[in-house]
Amino acid sequence: MKQHMAKFSLGQVVKHRMHPFRGVIFDVDAKFNNSEEWIESIPEDIRPDRDQPFYHLFAENESSYYVAYVSEQNLLQDDSDEPVGHPEVGEMFGEYHDGQYSLGGNLH
């Protein structure tokens, strides 16, 4: 079994390659670690390979905030240099600078 090094890091702001959303990475799975129903719900022709890092994001689009689970192949570095407005970002992360949040927010 191949070992993959995660391309992206905790606190990094990324965007989806195909869908109009962006977010902050708050956790990484070395390979797919979600339900069969989740992966099977993705059309086969665009279904990501399970043997790659998957990222948990505090995500946002034009109308809402949510948590997303995205394969590495579907993420790109976000170069907008804009902070993410998701309300949970401040609970986990500190300051935003150059596309990256520092670790350690207002944890209680």
N, C-alpha and C. Protein backbone atom coordinates (compact mmCIF):
# COMPACT_ATOMS: atom_id res chain seq x y z
N MET A 1 0.84 -1.19 0.00
CA MET A 1 0.00 0.00 0.00
C MET A 1 0.88 1.25 0.00
N LYS A 2 0.56 2.18 -0.87
CA LYS A 2 1.32 3.42 -0.97
C LYS A 2 0.97 4.36 0.18
N GLN A 3 1.97 5.10 0.64
CA GLN A 3 1.74 6.15 1.62
C GLN A 3 1.78 7.48 0.89
N HIS A 4 0.78 8.29 1.10
CA HIS A 4 0.71 9.61 0.47
C HIS A 4 0.98 10.67 1.53
N MET A 5 1.79 11.61 1.18
CA MET A 5 1.98 12.77 2.05
C MET A 5 0.91 13.78 1.68
N ALA A 6 0.27 14.36 2.66
CA ALA A 6 -0.77 15.36 2.40
C ALA A 6 -0.13 16.58 1.74
N LYS A 7 -0.76 17.03 0.68
CA LYS A 7 -0.28 18.19 -0.07
C LYS A 7 -0.64 19.49 0.65
N PHE A 8 -1.75 19.48 1.36
CA PHE A 8 -2.25 20.67 2.05
C PHE A 8 -2.13 20.48 3.56
N SER A 9 -2.18 21.58 4.30
CA SER A 9 -1.97 21.51 5.75
C SER A 9 -3.12 22.12 6.54
N LEU A 10 -3.18 21.80 7.83
CA LEU A 10 -4.20 22.37 8.70
C LEU A 10 -4.08 23.89 8.69
N GLY A 11 -5.22 24.54 8.59
CA GLY A 11 -5.25 26.00 8.58
C GLY A 11 -5.13 26.61 7.20
N GLN A 12 -4.82 25.82 6.20
CA GLN A 12 -4.65 26.35 4.85
C GLN A 12 -6.01 26.60 4.20
N VAL A 13 -6.12 27.70 3.45
CA VAL A 13 -7.34 28.02 2.72
C VAL A 13 -7.23 27.41 1.32
N VAL A 14 -8.24 26.63 0.95
CA VAL A 14 -8.26 25.93 -0.33
C VAL A 14 -9.60 26.17 -1.01
N LYS A 15 -9.66 25.81 -2.28
CA LYS A 15 -10.92 25.89 -3.02
C LYS A 15 -11.11 24.58 -3.77
N HIS A 16 -12.37 24.29 -4.09
CA HIS A 16 -12.69 23.07 -4.81
C HIS A 16 -12.38 23.27 -6.29
N ARG A 17 -11.85 22.24 -6.90
CA ARG A 17 -11.47 22.29 -8.31
C ARG A 17 -12.67 22.49 -9.25
N MET A 18 -13.83 21.89 -8.89
CA MET A 18 -14.98 21.93 -9.80
C MET A 18 -16.18 22.69 -9.26
N HIS A 19 -16.36 22.72 -7.95
CA HIS A 19 -17.55 23.34 -7.36
C HIS A 19 -17.19 24.69 -6.74
N PRO A 20 -18.15 25.62 -6.73
CA PRO A 20 -17.85 26.99 -6.27
C PRO A 20 -17.86 27.14 -4.74
N PHE A 21 -16.90 26.50 -4.08
CA PHE A 21 -16.76 26.74 -2.64
C PHE A 21 -15.29 26.70 -2.26
N ARG A 22 -15.03 27.28 -1.10
CA ARG A 22 -13.67 27.33 -0.55
C ARG A 22 -13.78 27.07 0.94
N GLY A 23 -12.65 26.82 1.59
CA GLY A 23 -12.71 26.55 3.01
C GLY A 23 -11.34 26.45 3.64
N VAL A 24 -11.36 26.21 4.96
CA VAL A 24 -10.15 26.07 5.76
C VAL A 24 -10.04 24.60 6.18
N ILE A 25 -8.88 23.99 5.99
CA ILE A 25 -8.67 22.60 6.38
C ILE A 25 -8.55 22.52 7.90
N PHE A 26 -9.40 21.67 8.52
CA PHE A 26 -9.29 21.50 9.97
C PHE A 26 -8.96 20.07 10.38
N ASP A 27 -8.93 19.14 9.43
CA ASP A 27 -8.52 17.77 9.73
C ASP A 27 -8.17 17.09 8.41
N VAL A 28 -7.31 16.06 8.49
CA VAL A 28 -6.88 15.32 7.30
C VAL A 28 -6.93 13.83 7.61
N ASP A 29 -7.50 13.07 6.68
CA ASP A 29 -7.45 11.61 6.74
C ASP A 29 -6.43 11.16 5.69
N ALA A 30 -5.52 10.27 6.04
CA ALA A 30 -4.48 9.81 5.10
C ALA A 30 -5.09 9.13 3.87
N LYS A 31 -6.25 8.51 4.06
CA LYS A 31 -7.00 7.95 2.94
C LYS A 31 -8.48 8.03 3.29
N PHE A 32 -9.33 7.70 2.34
CA PHE A 32 -10.77 7.81 2.53
C PHE A 32 -11.22 7.17 3.84
N ASN A 33 -12.01 7.92 4.62
CA ASN A 33 -12.50 7.42 5.90
C ASN A 33 -13.90 7.97 6.15
N ASN A 34 -14.79 7.67 5.22
CA ASN A 34 -16.17 8.10 5.33
C ASN A 34 -17.04 6.90 4.98
N SER A 35 -18.34 7.07 4.91
CA SER A 35 -19.25 5.95 4.67
C SER A 35 -19.26 5.51 3.21
N GLU A 36 -19.64 4.25 3.01
CA GLU A 36 -19.82 3.74 1.64
C GLU A 36 -20.91 4.54 0.92
N GLU A 37 -21.95 4.90 1.66
CA GLU A 37 -23.04 5.68 1.05
C GLU A 37 -22.52 7.00 0.51
N TRP A 38 -21.60 7.63 1.26
CA TRP A 38 -21.05 8.91 0.83
C TRP A 38 -20.30 8.77 -0.49
N ILE A 39 -19.37 7.82 -0.56
CA ILE A 39 -18.56 7.68 -1.77
C ILE A 39 -19.41 7.18 -2.94
N GLU A 40 -20.38 6.30 -2.66
CA GLU A 40 -21.24 5.78 -3.73
C GLU A 40 -22.19 6.84 -4.28
N SER A 41 -22.44 7.90 -3.51
CA SER A 41 -23.34 8.96 -3.98
C SER A 41 -22.68 9.84 -5.04
N ILE A 42 -21.37 9.72 -5.19
CA ILE A 42 -20.65 10.51 -6.20
C ILE A 42 -20.69 9.75 -7.52
N PRO A 43 -21.08 10.41 -8.61
CA PRO A 43 -21.14 9.71 -9.91
C PRO A 43 -19.80 9.02 -10.22
N GLU A 44 -19.89 7.80 -10.73
CA GLU A 44 -18.70 6.98 -10.93
C GLU A 44 -17.64 7.65 -11.79
N ASP A 45 -18.07 8.40 -12.79
CA ASP A 45 -17.09 9.02 -13.69
C ASP A 45 -16.28 10.13 -13.03
N ILE A 46 -16.73 10.64 -11.89
CA ILE A 46 -15.95 11.66 -11.17
C ILE A 46 -15.63 11.25 -9.74
N ARG A 47 -15.92 9.99 -9.39
CA ARG A 47 -15.67 9.50 -8.04
C ARG A 47 -14.16 9.48 -7.76
N PRO A 48 -13.71 10.08 -6.66
CA PRO A 48 -12.27 10.12 -6.38
C PRO A 48 -11.74 8.77 -5.91
N ASP A 49 -10.46 8.55 -6.17
CA ASP A 49 -9.75 7.38 -5.68
C ASP A 49 -9.74 7.43 -4.15
N ARG A 50 -9.97 6.30 -3.50
CA ARG A 50 -9.99 6.26 -2.03
C ARG A 50 -8.59 6.37 -1.43
N ASP A 51 -7.57 6.00 -2.18
CA ASP A 51 -6.21 5.91 -1.65
C ASP A 51 -5.46 7.23 -1.85
N GLN A 52 -5.95 8.26 -1.21
CA GLN A 52 -5.33 9.58 -1.24
C GLN A 52 -5.82 10.33 -0.01
N PRO A 53 -5.14 11.39 0.37
CA PRO A 53 -5.64 12.17 1.51
C PRO A 53 -7.03 12.78 1.23
N PHE A 54 -7.85 12.81 2.27
CA PHE A 54 -9.15 13.49 2.23
C PHE A 54 -9.13 14.54 3.33
N TYR A 55 -9.72 15.69 3.05
CA TYR A 55 -9.65 16.84 3.94
C TYR A 55 -11.03 17.23 4.45
N HIS A 56 -11.09 17.59 5.73
CA HIS A 56 -12.29 18.14 6.35
C HIS A 56 -12.14 19.66 6.31
N LEU A 57 -13.13 20.34 5.76
CA LEU A 57 -13.06 21.80 5.61
C LEU A 57 -14.20 22.50 6.32
N PHE A 58 -13.90 23.65 6.92
CA PHE A 58 -14.95 24.60 7.27
C PHE A 58 -15.17 25.35 5.96
N ALA A 59 -16.26 25.03 5.28
CA ALA A 59 -16.46 25.51 3.91
C ALA A 59 -17.51 26.61 3.84
N GLU A 60 -17.42 27.37 2.75
CA GLU A 60 -18.40 28.41 2.48
C GLU A 60 -18.61 28.53 0.98
N ASN A 61 -19.85 28.90 0.62
CA ASN A 61 -20.13 29.29 -0.75
C ASN A 61 -20.90 30.61 -0.67
N GLU A 62 -21.50 31.01 -1.75
CA GLU A 62 -22.18 32.32 -1.75
C GLU A 62 -23.35 32.39 -0.79
N SER A 63 -23.94 31.23 -0.43
CA SER A 63 -25.16 31.28 0.38
C SER A 63 -25.10 30.60 1.74
N SER A 64 -24.04 29.82 2.03
CA SER A 64 -24.05 29.12 3.32
C SER A 64 -22.66 28.72 3.79
N TYR A 65 -22.63 28.27 5.05
CA TYR A 65 -21.44 27.71 5.68
C TYR A 65 -21.75 26.26 6.02
N TYR A 66 -20.79 25.39 5.87
CA TYR A 66 -20.99 23.97 6.15
C TYR A 66 -19.64 23.30 6.31
N VAL A 67 -19.66 22.00 6.63
CA VAL A 67 -18.44 21.21 6.71
C VAL A 67 -18.40 20.32 5.47
N ALA A 68 -17.27 20.30 4.78
CA ALA A 68 -17.12 19.51 3.57
C ALA A 68 -16.02 18.47 3.76
N TYR A 69 -16.12 17.39 3.02
CA TYR A 69 -15.12 16.31 3.03
C TYR A 69 -14.68 16.15 1.58
N VAL A 70 -13.41 16.47 1.28
CA VAL A 70 -12.97 16.58 -0.11
C VAL A 70 -11.66 15.83 -0.32
N SER A 71 -11.58 15.13 -1.46
CA SER A 71 -10.35 14.43 -1.82
C SER A 71 -9.29 15.43 -2.26
N GLU A 72 -8.04 15.04 -2.05
CA GLU A 72 -6.93 15.92 -2.43
C GLU A 72 -6.98 16.29 -3.91
N GLN A 73 -7.34 15.34 -4.77
CA GLN A 73 -7.36 15.61 -6.21
C GLN A 73 -8.34 16.71 -6.58
N ASN A 74 -9.31 17.00 -5.72
CA ASN A 74 -10.32 18.01 -6.02
C ASN A 74 -10.07 19.35 -5.33
N LEU A 75 -8.90 19.52 -4.73
CA LEU A 75 -8.59 20.78 -4.06
C LEU A 75 -7.45 21.53 -4.74
N LEU A 76 -7.55 22.83 -4.68
CA LEU A 76 -6.50 23.73 -5.17
C LEU A 76 -6.23 24.76 -4.09
N GLN A 77 -5.03 25.28 -4.07
CA GLN A 77 -4.74 26.38 -3.14
C GLN A 77 -5.60 27.57 -3.55
N ASP A 78 -6.22 28.22 -2.57
CA ASP A 78 -7.03 29.41 -2.84
C ASP A 78 -6.09 30.61 -2.86
N ASP A 79 -6.10 31.34 -3.96
CA ASP A 79 -5.19 32.48 -4.09
C ASP A 79 -5.90 33.82 -4.00
N SER A 80 -7.11 33.82 -3.43
CA SER A 80 -7.87 35.07 -3.32
C SER A 80 -7.31 35.96 -2.21
N ASP A 81 -6.57 35.39 -1.28
CA ASP A 81 -6.05 36.08 -0.10
C ASP A 81 -7.15 36.71 0.74
N GLU A 82 -8.31 36.05 0.75
CA GLU A 82 -9.45 36.49 1.56
C GLU A 82 -9.66 35.49 2.68
N PRO A 83 -9.91 35.95 3.91
CA PRO A 83 -10.21 35.02 5.00
C PRO A 83 -11.54 34.32 4.74
N VAL A 84 -11.74 33.19 5.40
CA VAL A 84 -12.99 32.43 5.28
C VAL A 84 -13.92 32.87 6.41
N GLY A 85 -15.20 33.10 6.09
CA GLY A 85 -16.15 33.63 7.06
C GLY A 85 -16.87 32.60 7.90
N HIS A 86 -16.57 31.32 7.73
CA HIS A 86 -17.26 30.26 8.47
C HIS A 86 -17.17 30.55 9.97
N PRO A 87 -18.29 30.48 10.71
CA PRO A 87 -18.29 30.86 12.13
C PRO A 87 -17.41 29.99 13.03
N GLU A 88 -17.07 28.76 12.63
CA GLU A 88 -16.26 27.90 13.47
C GLU A 88 -14.75 28.11 13.30
N VAL A 89 -14.36 28.88 12.30
CA VAL A 89 -12.93 29.09 12.04
C VAL A 89 -12.23 29.69 13.27
N GLY A 90 -12.83 30.70 13.88
CA GLY A 90 -12.23 31.37 15.03
C GLY A 90 -12.12 30.52 16.26
N GLU A 91 -12.92 29.45 16.33
CA GLU A 91 -12.85 28.54 17.49
C GLU A 91 -11.63 27.64 17.43
N MET A 92 -11.12 27.38 16.23
CA MET A 92 -10.02 26.44 16.07
C MET A 92 -8.72 27.11 15.65
N PHE A 93 -8.84 28.24 14.97
CA PHE A 93 -7.66 28.88 14.40
C PHE A 93 -7.47 30.30 14.92
N GLY A 94 -6.23 30.77 14.80
CA GLY A 94 -5.88 32.12 15.19
C GLY A 94 -5.88 33.05 13.99
N GLU A 95 -4.84 33.83 13.87
CA GLU A 95 -4.75 34.86 12.84
C GLU A 95 -4.63 34.29 11.44
N TYR A 96 -5.13 35.07 10.46
CA TYR A 96 -5.05 34.72 9.05
C TYR A 96 -3.96 35.55 8.40
N HIS A 97 -3.08 34.90 7.64
CA HIS A 97 -2.01 35.62 6.96
C HIS A 97 -1.56 34.80 5.74
N ASP A 98 -1.58 35.42 4.57
CA ASP A 98 -1.09 34.79 3.34
C ASP A 98 -1.70 33.42 3.06
N GLY A 99 -3.03 33.30 3.15
CA GLY A 99 -3.70 32.06 2.79
C GLY A 99 -3.64 30.96 3.83
N GLN A 100 -3.24 31.32 5.05
CA GLN A 100 -3.07 30.31 6.10
C GLN A 100 -3.54 30.89 7.43
N TYR A 101 -4.26 30.07 8.19
CA TYR A 101 -4.63 30.43 9.56
C TYR A 101 -3.63 29.79 10.50
N SER A 102 -3.26 30.51 11.56
CA SER A 102 -2.41 29.91 12.58
C SER A 102 -3.26 28.98 13.44
N LEU A 103 -2.64 27.94 13.95
CA LEU A 103 -3.37 26.98 14.78
C LEU A 103 -3.59 27.58 16.16
N GLY A 104 -4.70 27.24 16.79
CA GLY A 104 -4.99 27.71 18.13
C GLY A 104 -5.87 28.93 18.17
N GLY A 105 -7.16 28.72 18.14
CA GLY A 105 -8.10 29.83 18.22
C GLY A 105 -8.60 30.02 19.63
N ASN A 106 -9.87 30.29 19.77
CA ASN A 106 -10.48 30.53 21.07
C ASN A 106 -10.99 29.24 21.68
N LEU A 107 -10.12 28.27 21.86
CA LEU A 107 -10.54 26.99 22.42
C LEU A 107 -10.84 27.17 23.90
N HIS A 108 -11.97 26.64 24.35
CA HIS A 108 -12.38 26.79 25.75
C HIS A 108 -12.17 25.50 26.49
